[in-house]
Amino acid sequence: MSNAQVTSERTSVFGPTLRFKGELKAQEDIKIEGRIEGSIIHQQKVIVGSKGEVVATVQAAQIDVDGKVQGDMSAKKSIKVSQTAVVRGNIRAPSVSITEGANFNGGVTMEPNAGPASTAR
């Protein structure tokens, strides 16, 4: 069995016509194609799709960004920012990948057991 065939039990899709304000919490993977404002706290993987727009702090095990994120992100495992992404905010994770061509403006902290990106105020 290849890694491509290994997926989580469930992935929720937040569609492109959906808008949400507040605190979003979940246990399963989520793919965001709509707009979320507030905060996202996930135990698994958060994917911001190419149509996704997030104005929020994001905490998850893993974060992949293809769309737009304005806010700090922290992940327990990794953060990947693709070529199509627009990111404004600080990112913190043990593993960070920013693809050439990505529109990124913020700070990067790579350390084991990375905590929330929002540090002392």
PDB file of N, CA and C in Angstrom:
ATOM      1  N   MET A   1       0.857  -1.176   0.000  1.00  0.00           N
ATOM      2  CA  MET A   1       0.000   0.000   0.000  1.00  0.00           C
ATOM      3  C   MET A   1       0.899   1.234   0.000  1.00  0.00           C
ATOM      4  N   SER A   2       0.683   2.140  -0.934  1.00  0.00           N
ATOM      5  CA  SER A   2       1.490   3.366  -1.004  1.00  0.00           C
ATOM      6  C   SER A   2       0.950   4.412  -0.045  1.00  0.00           C
ATOM      7  N   ASN A   3       1.790   5.417   0.239  1.00  0.00           N
ATOM      8  CA  ASN A   3       1.362   6.502   1.125  1.00  0.00           C
ATOM      9  C   ASN A   3       0.164   7.249   0.566  1.00  0.00           C
ATOM     10  N   ALA A   4       0.048   7.312  -0.760  1.00  0.00           N
ATOM     11  CA  ALA A   4      -1.064   8.023  -1.386  1.00  0.00           C
ATOM     12  C   ALA A   4      -2.401   7.359  -1.059  1.00  0.00           C
ATOM     13  N   GLN A   5      -2.366   6.064  -0.761  1.00  0.00           N
ATOM     14  CA  GLN A   5      -3.601   5.356  -0.465  1.00  0.00           C
ATOM     15  C   GLN A   5      -3.992   5.445   1.006  1.00  0.00           C
ATOM     16  N   VAL A   6      -3.075   5.887   1.849  1.00  0.00           N
ATOM     17  CA  VAL A   6      -3.357   6.002   3.269  1.00  0.00           C
ATOM     18  C   VAL A   6      -4.017   7.343   3.534  1.00  0.00           C
ATOM     19  N   THR A   7      -5.271   7.330   3.953  1.00  0.00           N
ATOM     20  CA  THR A   7      -5.995   8.568   4.241  1.00  0.00           C
ATOM     21  C   THR A   7      -6.650   8.449   5.609  1.00  0.00           C
ATOM     22  N   SER A   8      -7.069   9.585   6.123  1.00  0.00           N
ATOM     23  CA  SER A   8      -7.746   9.539   7.419  1.00  0.00           C
ATOM     24  C   SER A   8      -9.159   9.002   7.220  1.00  0.00           C
ATOM     25  N   GLU A   9      -9.801   8.689   8.336  1.00  0.00           N
ATOM     26  CA  GLU A   9     -11.146   8.130   8.288  1.00  0.00           C
ATOM     27  C   GLU A   9     -12.122   9.059   7.580  1.00  0.00           C
ATOM     28  N   ARG A  10     -12.057  10.338   7.954  1.00  0.00           N
ATOM     29  CA  ARG A  10     -13.032  11.290   7.416  1.00  0.00           C
ATOM     30  C   ARG A  10     -12.342  12.598   7.065  1.00  0.00           C
ATOM     31  N   THR A  11     -12.821  13.223   6.000  1.00  0.00           N
ATOM     32  CA  THR A  11     -12.401  14.570   5.660  1.00  0.00           C
ATOM     33  C   THR A  11     -13.671  15.367   5.393  1.00  0.00           C
ATOM     34  N   SER A  12     -13.858  16.434   6.146  1.00  0.00           N
ATOM     35  CA  SER A  12     -14.996  17.314   5.933  1.00  0.00           C
ATOM     36  C   SER A  12     -14.588  18.382   4.933  1.00  0.00           C
ATOM     37  N   VAL A  13     -15.507  18.748   4.054  1.00  0.00           N
ATOM     38  CA  VAL A  13     -15.246  19.802   3.080  1.00  0.00           C
ATOM     39  C   VAL A  13     -16.151  20.982   3.400  1.00  0.00           C
ATOM     40  N   PHE A  14     -15.523  22.136   3.593  1.00  0.00           N
ATOM     41  CA  PHE A  14     -16.226  23.392   3.842  1.00  0.00           C
ATOM     42  C   PHE A  14     -16.304  24.085   2.478  1.00  0.00           C
ATOM     43  N   GLY A  15     -17.459  24.003   1.818  1.00  0.00           N
ATOM     44  CA  GLY A  15     -17.619  24.407   0.425  1.00  0.00           C
ATOM     45  C   GLY A  15     -17.408  25.879   0.124  1.00  0.00           C
ATOM     46  N   PRO A  16     -17.197  26.200  -1.167  1.00  0.00           N
ATOM     47  CA  PRO A  16     -16.851  27.563  -1.586  1.00  0.00           C
ATOM     48  C   PRO A  16     -17.933  28.614  -1.341  1.00  0.00           C
ATOM     49  N   THR A  17     -19.186  28.218  -1.174  1.00  0.00           N
ATOM     50  CA  THR A  17     -20.234  29.212  -0.937  1.00  0.00           C
ATOM     51  C   THR A  17     -20.493  29.433   0.558  1.00  0.00           C
ATOM     52  N   LEU A  18     -19.795  28.687   1.423  1.00  0.00           N
ATOM     53  CA  LEU A  18     -20.024  28.790   2.865  1.00  0.00           C
ATOM     54  C   LEU A  18     -19.177  29.887   3.488  1.00  0.00           C
ATOM     55  N   ARG A  19     -19.764  30.600   4.459  1.00  0.00           N
ATOM     56  CA  ARG A  19     -19.082  31.634   5.239  1.00  0.00           C
ATOM     57  C   ARG A  19     -19.306  31.314   6.713  1.00  0.00           C
ATOM     58  N   PHE A  20     -18.243  31.475   7.540  1.00  0.00           N
ATOM     59  CA  PHE A  20     -18.345  31.140   8.954  1.00  0.00           C
ATOM     60  C   PHE A  20     -17.543  32.141   9.763  1.00  0.00           C
ATOM     61  N   LYS A  21     -18.129  32.628  10.880  1.00  0.00           N
ATOM     62  CA  LYS A  21     -17.426  33.492  11.828  1.00  0.00           C
ATOM     63  C   LYS A  21     -17.518  32.833  13.191  1.00  0.00           C
ATOM     64  N   GLY A  22     -16.375  32.719  13.872  1.00  0.00           N
ATOM     65  CA  GLY A  22     -16.371  32.129  15.209  1.00  0.00           C
ATOM     66  C   GLY A  22     -15.217  31.168  15.382  1.00  0.00           C
ATOM     67  N   GLU A  23     -15.375  30.252  16.324  1.00  0.00           N
ATOM     68  CA  GLU A  23     -14.349  29.261  16.633  1.00  0.00           C
ATOM     69  C   GLU A  23     -14.769  27.904  16.083  1.00  0.00           C
ATOM     70  N   LEU A  24     -13.966  27.385  15.187  1.00  0.00           N
ATOM     71  CA  LEU A  24     -14.246  26.093  14.559  1.00  0.00           C
ATOM     72  C   LEU A  24     -13.326  25.044  15.170  1.00  0.00           C
ATOM     73  N   LYS A  25     -13.922  23.977  15.735  1.00  0.00           N
ATOM     74  CA  LYS A  25     -13.158  22.886  16.336  1.00  0.00           C
ATOM     75  C   LYS A  25     -13.629  21.579  15.732  1.00  0.00           C
ATOM     76  N   ALA A  26     -12.686  20.652  15.500  1.00  0.00           N
ATOM     77  CA  ALA A  26     -13.068  19.342  14.973  1.00  0.00           C
ATOM     78  C   ALA A  26     -11.949  18.340  15.180  1.00  0.00           C
ATOM     79  N   GLN A  27     -12.289  17.086  15.045  1.00  0.00           N
ATOM     80  CA  GLN A  27     -11.333  15.993  15.193  1.00  0.00           C
ATOM     81  C   GLN A  27     -10.872  15.446  13.842  1.00  0.00           C
ATOM     82  N   GLU A  28     -11.713  15.530  12.810  1.00  0.00           N
ATOM     83  CA  GLU A  28     -11.361  14.962  11.515  1.00  0.00           C
ATOM     84  C   GLU A  28     -10.675  16.005  10.624  1.00  0.00           C
ATOM     85  N   ASP A  29     -10.054  15.533   9.548  1.00  0.00           N
ATOM     86  CA  ASP A  29      -9.430  16.428   8.581  1.00  0.00           C
ATOM     87  C   ASP A  29     -10.502  17.338   7.984  1.00  0.00           C
ATOM     88  N   ILE A  30     -10.082  18.557   7.579  1.00  0.00           N
ATOM     89  CA  ILE A  30     -11.020  19.474   6.950  1.00  0.00           C
ATOM     90  C   ILE A  30     -10.342  20.167   5.777  1.00  0.00           C
ATOM     91  N   LYS A  31     -11.099  20.308   4.691  1.00  0.00           N
ATOM     92  CA  LYS A  31     -10.647  21.074   3.535  1.00  0.00           C
ATOM     93  C   LYS A  31     -11.551  22.286   3.434  1.00  0.00           C
ATOM     94  N   ILE A  32     -10.927  23.477   3.429  1.00  0.00           N
ATOM     95  CA  ILE A  32     -11.682  24.730   3.428  1.00  0.00           C
ATOM     96  C   ILE A  32     -11.628  25.343   2.037  1.00  0.00           C
ATOM     97  N   GLU A  33     -12.792  25.504   1.420  1.00  0.00           N
ATOM     98  CA  GLU A  33     -12.900  26.173   0.132  1.00  0.00           C
ATOM     99  C   GLU A  33     -13.721  27.456   0.252  1.00  0.00           C
ATOM    100  N   GLY A  34     -14.342  27.682   1.408  1.00  0.00           N
ATOM    101  CA  GLY A  34     -15.130  28.885   1.660  1.00  0.00           C
ATOM    102  C   GLY A  34     -14.329  29.893   2.472  1.00  0.00           C
ATOM    103  N   ARG A  35     -15.040  30.750   3.233  1.00  0.00           N
ATOM    104  CA  ARG A  35     -14.385  31.786   4.036  1.00  0.00           C
ATOM    105  C   ARG A  35     -14.661  31.549   5.517  1.00  0.00           C
ATOM    106  N   ILE A  36     -13.600  31.555   6.322  1.00  0.00           N
ATOM    107  CA  ILE A  36     -13.716  31.402   7.774  1.00  0.00           C
ATOM    108  C   ILE A  36     -13.008  32.561   8.440  1.00  0.00           C
ATOM    109  N   GLU A  37     -13.694  33.190   9.414  1.00  0.00           N
ATOM    110  CA  GLU A  37     -13.113  34.262  10.216  1.00  0.00           C
ATOM    111  C   GLU A  37     -13.206  33.864  11.684  1.00  0.00           C
ATOM    112  N   GLY A  38     -12.118  34.049  12.428  1.00  0.00           N
ATOM    113  CA  GLY A  38     -12.131  33.735  13.857  1.00  0.00           C
ATOM    114  C   GLY A  38     -10.950  32.889  14.238  1.00  0.00           C
ATOM    115  N   SER A  39     -11.203  31.624  14.622  1.00  0.00           N
ATOM    116  CA  SER A  39     -10.124  30.709  14.964  1.00  0.00           C
ATOM    117  C   SER A  39     -10.500  29.287  14.553  1.00  0.00           C
ATOM    118  N   ILE A  40      -9.457  28.520  14.206  1.00  0.00           N
ATOM    119  CA  ILE A  40      -9.633  27.127  13.823  1.00  0.00           C
ATOM    120  C   ILE A  40      -8.708  26.303  14.709  1.00  0.00           C
ATOM    121  N   ILE A  41      -9.298  25.348  15.428  1.00  0.00           N
ATOM    122  CA  ILE A  41      -8.518  24.466  16.292  1.00  0.00           C
ATOM    123  C   ILE A  41      -8.872  23.032  15.902  1.00  0.00           C
ATOM    124  N   HIS A  42      -7.902  22.351  15.272  1.00  0.00           N
ATOM    125  CA  HIS A  42      -8.131  20.995  14.775  1.00  0.00           C
ATOM    126  C   HIS A  42      -7.105  20.036  15.332  1.00  0.00           C
ATOM    127  N   GLN A  43      -7.504  18.799  15.527  1.00  0.00           N
ATOM    128  CA  GLN A  43      -6.600  17.762  15.998  1.00  0.00           C
ATOM    129  C   GLN A  43      -5.887  17.058  14.847  1.00  0.00           C
ATOM    130  N   GLN A  44      -6.374  17.245  13.626  1.00  0.00           N
ATOM    131  CA  GLN A  44      -5.811  16.550  12.483  1.00  0.00           C
ATOM    132  C   GLN A  44      -5.280  17.549  11.450  1.00  0.00           C
ATOM    133  N   LYS A  45      -5.620  17.342  10.189  1.00  0.00           N
ATOM    134  CA  LYS A  45      -5.088  18.137   9.082  1.00  0.00           C
ATOM    135  C   LYS A  45      -6.096  19.195   8.629  1.00  0.00           C
ATOM    136  N   VAL A  46      -5.586  20.413   8.404  1.00  0.00           N
ATOM    137  CA  VAL A  46      -6.391  21.491   7.827  1.00  0.00           C
ATOM    138  C   VAL A  46      -5.803  21.808   6.461  1.00  0.00           C
ATOM    139  N   ILE A  47      -6.650  21.773   5.443  1.00  0.00           N
ATOM    140  CA  ILE A  47      -6.241  22.132   4.090  1.00  0.00           C
ATOM    141  C   ILE A  47      -7.026  23.370   3.692  1.00  0.00           C
ATOM    142  N   VAL A  48      -6.319  24.440   3.336  1.00  0.00           N
ATOM    143  CA  VAL A  48      -6.975  25.624   2.799  1.00  0.00           C
ATOM    144  C   VAL A  48      -6.870  25.497   1.296  1.00  0.00           C
ATOM    145  N   GLY A  49      -7.985  25.149   0.656  1.00  0.00           N
ATOM    146  CA  GLY A  49      -8.016  24.916  -0.782  1.00  0.00           C
ATOM    147  C   GLY A  49      -7.784  26.189  -1.573  1.00  0.00           C
ATOM    148  N   SER A  50      -7.630  26.053  -2.866  1.00  0.00           N
ATOM    149  CA  SER A  50      -7.319  27.188  -3.738  1.00  0.00           C
ATOM    150  C   SER A  50      -8.387  28.281  -3.693  1.00  0.00           C
ATOM    151  N   LYS A  51      -9.641  27.926  -3.387  1.00  0.00           N
ATOM    152  CA  LYS A  51     -10.718  28.914  -3.274  1.00  0.00           C
ATOM    153  C   LYS A  51     -10.939  29.349  -1.829  1.00  0.00           C
ATOM    154  N   GLY A  52     -10.216  28.740  -0.898  1.00  0.00           N
ATOM    155  CA  GLY A  52     -10.387  29.013   0.523  1.00  0.00           C
ATOM    156  C   GLY A  52      -9.796  30.345   0.941  1.00  0.00           C
ATOM    157  N   GLU A  53     -10.475  30.986   1.894  1.00  0.00           N
ATOM    158  CA  GLU A  53     -10.012  32.248   2.458  1.00  0.00           C
ATOM    159  C   GLU A  53     -10.207  32.190   3.963  1.00  0.00           C
ATOM    160  N   VAL A  54      -9.107  32.279   4.704  1.00  0.00           N
ATOM    161  CA  VAL A  54      -9.139  32.159   6.156  1.00  0.00           C
ATOM    162  C   VAL A  54      -8.564  33.428   6.767  1.00  0.00           C
ATOM    163  N   VAL A  55      -9.369  34.078   7.611  1.00  0.00           N
ATOM    164  CA  VAL A  55      -8.905  35.219   8.401  1.00  0.00           C
ATOM    165  C   VAL A  55      -9.039  34.766   9.845  1.00  0.00           C
ATOM    166  N   ALA A  56      -8.009  34.067  10.327  1.00  0.00           N
ATOM    167  CA  ALA A  56      -8.120  33.403  11.624  1.00  0.00           C
ATOM    168  C   ALA A  56      -6.762  32.903  12.086  1.00  0.00           C
ATOM    169  N   THR A  57      -6.676  32.612  13.374  1.00  0.00           N
ATOM    170  CA  THR A  57      -5.543  31.849  13.874  1.00  0.00           C
ATOM    171  C   THR A  57      -5.881  30.381  13.649  1.00  0.00           C
ATOM    172  N   VAL A  58      -4.887  29.623  13.238  1.00  0.00           N
ATOM    173  CA  VAL A  58      -5.116  28.216  12.895  1.00  0.00           C
ATOM    174  C   VAL A  58      -4.148  27.347  13.688  1.00  0.00           C
ATOM    175  N   GLN A  59      -4.700  26.345  14.381  1.00  0.00           N
ATOM    176  CA  GLN A  59      -3.897  25.356  15.095  1.00  0.00           C
ATOM    177  C   GLN A  59      -4.356  23.978  14.636  1.00  0.00           C
ATOM    178  N   ALA A  60      -3.393  23.126  14.259  1.00  0.00           N
ATOM    179  CA  ALA A  60      -3.727  21.780  13.805  1.00  0.00           C
ATOM    180  C   ALA A  60      -2.490  20.902  13.890  1.00  0.00           C
ATOM    181  N   ALA A  61      -2.666  19.626  13.597  1.00  0.00           N
ATOM    182  CA  ALA A  61      -1.523  18.731  13.540  1.00  0.00           C
ATOM    183  C   ALA A  61      -0.708  19.028  12.285  1.00  0.00           C
ATOM    184  N   GLN A  62      -1.414  19.279  11.180  1.00  0.00           N
ATOM    185  CA  GLN A  62      -0.765  19.558   9.897  1.00  0.00           C
ATOM    186  C   GLN A  62      -1.617  20.586   9.157  1.00  0.00           C
ATOM    187  N   ILE A  63      -0.952  21.530   8.460  1.00  0.00           N
ATOM    188  CA  ILE A  63      -1.666  22.561   7.716  1.00  0.00           C
ATOM    189  C   ILE A  63      -1.073  22.648   6.316  1.00  0.00           C
ATOM    190  N   ASP A  64      -1.935  22.564   5.293  1.00  0.00           N
ATOM    191  CA  ASP A  64      -1.536  22.756   3.895  1.00  0.00           C
ATOM    192  C   ASP A  64      -2.314  23.943   3.354  1.00  0.00           C
ATOM    193  N   VAL A  65      -1.606  24.900   2.742  1.00  0.00           N
ATOM    194  CA  VAL A  65      -2.263  26.107   2.249  1.00  0.00           C
ATOM    195  C   VAL A  65      -2.068  26.235   0.743  1.00  0.00           C
ATOM    196  N   ASP A  66      -3.193  26.250   0.019  1.00  0.00           N
ATOM    197  CA  ASP A  66      -3.209  26.538  -1.416  1.00  0.00           C
ATOM    198  C   ASP A  66      -3.897  27.869  -1.682  1.00  0.00           C
ATOM    199  N   GLY A  67      -4.719  28.328  -0.745  1.00  0.00           N
ATOM    200  CA  GLY A  67      -5.501  29.555  -0.895  1.00  0.00           C
ATOM    201  C   GLY A  67      -4.929  30.690  -0.064  1.00  0.00           C
ATOM    202  N   LYS A  68      -5.826  31.469   0.581  1.00  0.00           N
ATOM    203  CA  LYS A  68      -5.422  32.661   1.325  1.00  0.00           C
ATOM    204  C   LYS A  68      -5.596  32.466   2.827  1.00  0.00           C
ATOM    205  N   VAL A  69      -4.564  32.867   3.585  1.00  0.00           N
ATOM    206  CA  VAL A  69      -4.645  32.845   5.045  1.00  0.00           C
ATOM    207  C   VAL A  69      -4.092  34.154   5.569  1.00  0.00           C
ATOM    208  N   GLN A  70      -4.891  34.821   6.398  1.00  0.00           N
ATOM    209  CA  GLN A  70      -4.437  36.009   7.108  1.00  0.00           C
ATOM    210  C   GLN A  70      -4.573  35.701   8.586  1.00  0.00           C
ATOM    211  N   GLY A  71      -3.439  35.443   9.235  1.00  0.00           N
ATOM    212  CA  GLY A  71      -3.441  35.083  10.647  1.00  0.00           C
ATOM    213  C   GLY A  71      -2.308  34.118  10.932  1.00  0.00           C
ATOM    214  N   ASP A  72      -2.020  33.941  12.202  1.00  0.00           N
ATOM    215  CA  ASP A  72      -0.937  33.055  12.614  1.00  0.00           C
ATOM    216  C   ASP A  72      -1.378  31.596  12.536  1.00  0.00           C
ATOM    217  N   MET A  73      -0.425  30.731  12.138  1.00  0.00           N
ATOM    218  CA  MET A  73      -0.687  29.300  12.045  1.00  0.00           C
ATOM    219  C   MET A  73       0.348  28.542  12.866  1.00  0.00           C
ATOM    220  N   SER A  74      -0.096  27.503  13.573  1.00  0.00           N
ATOM    221  CA  SER A  74       0.834  26.624  14.274  1.00  0.00           C
ATOM    222  C   SER A  74       0.387  25.183  14.071  1.00  0.00           C
ATOM    223  N   ALA A  75       1.379  24.305  13.867  1.00  0.00           N
ATOM    224  CA  ALA A  75       1.095  22.895  13.622  1.00  0.00           C
ATOM    225  C   ALA A  75       2.032  22.023  14.442  1.00  0.00           C
ATOM    226  N   LYS A  76       1.521  20.882  14.896  1.00  0.00           N
ATOM    227  CA  LYS A  76       2.329  19.940  15.665  1.00  0.00           C
ATOM    228  C   LYS A  76       3.306  19.188  14.768  1.00  0.00           C
ATOM    229  N   LYS A  77       2.936  18.998  13.471  1.00  0.00           N
ATOM    230  CA  LYS A  77       3.786  18.224  12.558  1.00  0.00           C
ATOM    231  C   LYS A  77       4.414  19.104  11.482  1.00  0.00           C
ATOM    232  N   SER A  78       3.568  19.700  10.607  1.00  0.00           N
ATOM    233  CA  SER A  78       4.127  20.445   9.475  1.00  0.00           C
ATOM    234  C   SER A  78       3.154  21.473   8.919  1.00  0.00           C
ATOM    235  N   ILE A  79       3.752  22.460   8.234  1.00  0.00           N
ATOM    236  CA  ILE A  79       2.974  23.455   7.488  1.00  0.00           C
ATOM    237  C   ILE A  79       3.568  23.516   6.090  1.00  0.00           C
ATOM    238  N   LYS A  80       2.693  23.408   5.084  1.00  0.00           N
ATOM    239  CA  LYS A  80       3.119  23.503   3.687  1.00  0.00           C
ATOM    240  C   LYS A  80       2.386  24.665   3.040  1.00  0.00           C
ATOM    241  N   VAL A  81       3.152  25.572   2.428  1.00  0.00           N
ATOM    242  CA  VAL A  81       2.585  26.726   1.734  1.00  0.00           C
ATOM    243  C   VAL A  81       2.904  26.538   0.254  1.00  0.00           C
ATOM    244  N   SER A  82       1.870  26.370  -0.565  1.00  0.00           N
ATOM    245  CA  SER A  82       2.077  26.061  -1.987  1.00  0.00           C
ATOM    246  C   SER A  82       2.317  27.320  -2.812  1.00  0.00           C
ATOM    247  N   GLN A  83       2.624  27.120  -4.063  1.00  0.00           N
ATOM    248  CA  GLN A  83       2.912  28.201  -5.005  1.00  0.00           C
ATOM    249  C   GLN A  83       1.721  29.134  -5.179  1.00  0.00           C
ATOM    250  N   THR A  84       0.504  28.640  -5.043  1.00  0.00           N
ATOM    251  CA  THR A  84      -0.698  29.452  -5.253  1.00  0.00           C
ATOM    252  C   THR A  84      -1.151  30.180  -3.986  1.00  0.00           C
ATOM    253  N   ALA A  85      -0.484  29.935  -2.869  1.00  0.00           N
ATOM    254  CA  ALA A  85      -0.921  30.472  -1.578  1.00  0.00           C
ATOM    255  C   ALA A  85      -0.573  31.946  -1.399  1.00  0.00           C
ATOM    256  N   VAL A  86      -1.429  32.629  -0.612  1.00  0.00           N
ATOM    257  CA  VAL A  86      -1.173  33.989  -0.144  1.00  0.00           C
ATOM    258  C   VAL A  86      -1.313  33.938   1.371  1.00  0.00           C
ATOM    259  N   VAL A  87      -0.195  34.124   2.078  1.00  0.00           N
ATOM    260  CA  VAL A  87      -0.188  33.998   3.539  1.00  0.00           C
ATOM    261  C   VAL A  87       0.343  35.278   4.162  1.00  0.00           C
ATOM    262  N   ARG A  88      -0.417  35.831   5.125  1.00  0.00           N
ATOM    263  CA  ARG A  88      -0.016  36.997   5.913  1.00  0.00           C
ATOM    264  C   ARG A  88      -0.110  36.611   7.374  1.00  0.00           C
ATOM    265  N   GLY A  89       1.016  36.288   7.985  1.00  0.00           N
ATOM    266  CA  GLY A  89       1.015  35.893   9.385  1.00  0.00           C
ATOM    267  C   GLY A  89       2.213  35.023   9.695  1.00  0.00           C
ATOM    268  N   ASN A  90       2.419  34.772  10.956  1.00  0.00           N
ATOM    269  CA  ASN A  90       3.535  33.960  11.414  1.00  0.00           C
ATOM    270  C   ASN A  90       3.164  32.486  11.390  1.00  0.00           C
ATOM    271  N   ILE A  91       4.160  31.649  11.081  1.00  0.00           N
ATOM    272  CA  ILE A  91       3.930  30.215  11.090  1.00  0.00           C
ATOM    273  C   ILE A  91       4.948  29.541  12.006  1.00  0.00           C
ATOM    274  N   ARG A  92       4.466  28.498  12.706  1.00  0.00           N
ATOM    275  CA  ARG A  92       5.306  27.781  13.673  1.00  0.00           C
ATOM    276  C   ARG A  92       4.993  26.296  13.561  1.00  0.00           C
ATOM    277  N   ALA A  93       6.038  25.499  13.277  1.00  0.00           N
ATOM    278  CA  ALA A  93       5.897  24.047  13.179  1.00  0.00           C
ATOM    279  C   ALA A  93       7.286  23.420  13.147  1.00  0.00           C
ATOM    280  N   PRO A  94       7.386  22.129  13.467  1.00  0.00           N
ATOM    281  CA  PRO A  94       8.685  21.457  13.379  1.00  0.00           C
ATOM    282  C   PRO A  94       9.207  21.380  11.945  1.00  0.00           C
ATOM    283  N   SER A  95       8.289  21.298  10.971  1.00  0.00           N
ATOM    284  CA  SER A  95       8.659  21.217   9.562  1.00  0.00           C
ATOM    285  C   SER A  95       7.843  22.247   8.781  1.00  0.00           C
ATOM    286  N   VAL A  96       8.530  23.122   8.035  1.00  0.00           N
ATOM    287  CA  VAL A  96       7.854  24.160   7.250  1.00  0.00           C
ATOM    288  C   VAL A  96       8.361  24.102   5.814  1.00  0.00           C
ATOM    289  N   SER A  97       7.432  24.116   4.872  1.00  0.00           N
ATOM    290  CA  SER A  97       7.775  24.117   3.455  1.00  0.00           C
ATOM    291  C   SER A  97       7.045  25.272   2.777  1.00  0.00           C
ATOM    292  N   ILE A  98       7.812  26.184   2.170  1.00  0.00           N
ATOM    293  CA  ILE A  98       7.224  27.299   1.422  1.00  0.00           C
ATOM    294  C   ILE A  98       7.718  27.173  -0.013  1.00  0.00           C
ATOM    295  N   THR A  99       6.814  26.860  -0.920  1.00  0.00           N
ATOM    296  CA  THR A  99       7.164  26.636  -2.316  1.00  0.00           C
ATOM    297  C   THR A  99       7.515  27.945  -2.998  1.00  0.00           C
ATOM    298  N   GLU A 100       8.510  27.898  -3.874  1.00  0.00           N
ATOM    299  CA  GLU A 100       8.896  29.076  -4.639  1.00  0.00           C
ATOM    300  C   GLU A 100       7.682  29.611  -5.390  1.00  0.00           C
ATOM    301  N   GLY A 101       7.474  30.905  -5.327  1.00  0.00           N
ATOM    302  CA  GLY A 101       6.329  31.537  -5.981  1.00  0.00           C
ATOM    303  C   GLY A 101       5.191  31.847  -5.031  1.00  0.00           C
ATOM    304  N   ALA A 102       5.227  31.265  -3.828  1.00  0.00           N
ATOM    305  CA  ALA A 102       4.189  31.553  -2.837  1.00  0.00           C
ATOM    306  C   ALA A 102       4.299  33.015  -2.408  1.00  0.00           C
ATOM    307  N   ASN A 103       3.161  33.615  -2.085  1.00  0.00           N
ATOM    308  CA  ASN A 103       3.120  34.992  -1.613  1.00  0.00           C
ATOM    309  C   ASN A 103       3.028  34.924  -0.092  1.00  0.00           C
ATOM    310  N   PHE A 104       4.186  35.060   0.586  1.00  0.00           N
ATOM    311  CA  PHE A 104       4.250  34.882   2.031  1.00  0.00           C
ATOM    312  C   PHE A 104       4.858  36.111   2.682  1.00  0.00           C
ATOM    313  N   ASN A 105       4.184  36.632   3.726  1.00  0.00           N
ATOM    314  CA  ASN A 105       4.689  37.761   4.478  1.00  0.00           C
ATOM    315  C   ASN A 105       4.473  37.465   5.957  1.00  0.00           C
ATOM    316  N   GLY A 106       5.544  37.107   6.645  1.00  0.00           N
ATOM    317  CA  GLY A 106       5.443  36.776   8.061  1.00  0.00           C
ATOM    318  C   GLY A 106       6.719  36.134   8.541  1.00  0.00           C
ATOM    319  N   GLY A 107       6.698  35.656   9.756  1.00  0.00           N
ATOM    320  CA  GLY A 107       7.854  35.001  10.345  1.00  0.00           C
ATOM    321  C   GLY A 107       7.669  33.503  10.374  1.00  0.00           C
ATOM    322  N   VAL A 108       8.794  32.784  10.402  1.00  0.00           N
ATOM    323  CA  VAL A 108       8.780  31.327  10.459  1.00  0.00           C
ATOM    324  C   VAL A 108       9.574  30.870  11.667  1.00  0.00           C
ATOM    325  N   THR A 109       8.981  30.009  12.475  1.00  0.00           N
ATOM    326  CA  THR A 109       9.680  29.393  13.593  1.00  0.00           C
ATOM    327  C   THR A 109       9.562  27.883  13.420  1.00  0.00           C
ATOM    328  N   MET A 110      10.733  27.239  13.311  1.00  0.00           N
ATOM    329  CA  MET A 110      10.760  25.783  13.184  1.00  0.00           C
ATOM    330  C   MET A 110      11.427  25.211  14.425  1.00  0.00           C
ATOM    331  N   GLU A 111      10.659  24.456  15.189  1.00  0.00           N
ATOM    332  CA  GLU A 111      11.202  23.828  16.379  1.00  0.00           C
ATOM    333  C   GLU A 111      10.367  22.617  16.742  1.00  0.00           C
ATOM    334  N   PRO A 112      10.987  21.611  17.371  1.00  0.00           N
ATOM    335  CA  PRO A 112      10.218  20.451  17.805  1.00  0.00           C
ATOM    336  C   PRO A 112       9.143  20.873  18.797  1.00  0.00           C
ATOM    337  N   ASN A 113       8.031  20.189  18.769  1.00  0.00           N
ATOM    338  CA  ASN A 113       6.927  20.465  19.699  1.00  0.00           C
ATOM    339  C   ASN A 113       6.507  21.928  19.666  1.00  0.00           C
ATOM    340  N   ALA A 114       6.343  22.464  18.472  1.00  0.00           N
ATOM    341  CA  ALA A 114       5.961  23.877  18.312  1.00  0.00           C
ATOM    342  C   ALA A 114       4.605  24.118  18.959  1.00  0.00           C
ATOM    343  N   GLY A 115       4.532  25.194  19.688  1.00  0.00           N
ATOM    344  CA  GLY A 115       3.292  25.586  20.346  1.00  0.00           C
ATOM    345  C   GLY A 115       2.535  26.573  19.485  1.00  0.00           C
ATOM    346  N   PRO A 116       1.539  27.255  20.022  1.00  0.00           N
ATOM    347  CA  PRO A 116       0.782  28.238  19.273  1.00  0.00           C
ATOM    348  C   PRO A 116       1.674  29.348  18.723  1.00  0.00           C
ATOM    349  N   ALA A 117       1.374  29.824  17.515  1.00  0.00           N
ATOM    350  CA  ALA A 117       2.152  30.875  16.876  1.00  0.00           C
ATOM    351  C   ALA A 117       1.986  32.212  17.590  1.00  0.00           C
ATOM    352  N   SER A 118       0.869  32.369  18.280  1.00  0.00           N
ATOM    353  CA  SER A 118       0.665  33.613  19.015  1.00  0.00           C
ATOM    354  C   SER A 118       1.431  33.541  20.331  1.00  0.00           C
ATOM    355  N   THR A 119       2.536  34.250  20.390  1.00  0.00           N
ATOM    356  CA  THR A 119       3.387  34.212  21.566  1.00  0.00           C
ATOM    357  C   THR A 119       3.030  35.360  22.490  1.00  0.00           C
ATOM    358  N   ALA A 120       3.901  35.668  23.456  1.00  0.00           N
ATOM    359  CA  ALA A 120       3.617  36.725  24.437  1.00  0.00           C
ATOM    360  C   ALA A 120       3.238  38.028  23.763  1.00  0.00           C
ATOM    361  N   ARG A 121       2.246  38.678  24.325  1.00  0.00           N
ATOM    362  CA  ARG A 121       1.746  39.907  23.708  1.00  0.00           C
ATOM    363  C   ARG A 121       2.249  41.106  24.442  1.00  0.00           C
TER     364      ARG A 121
END
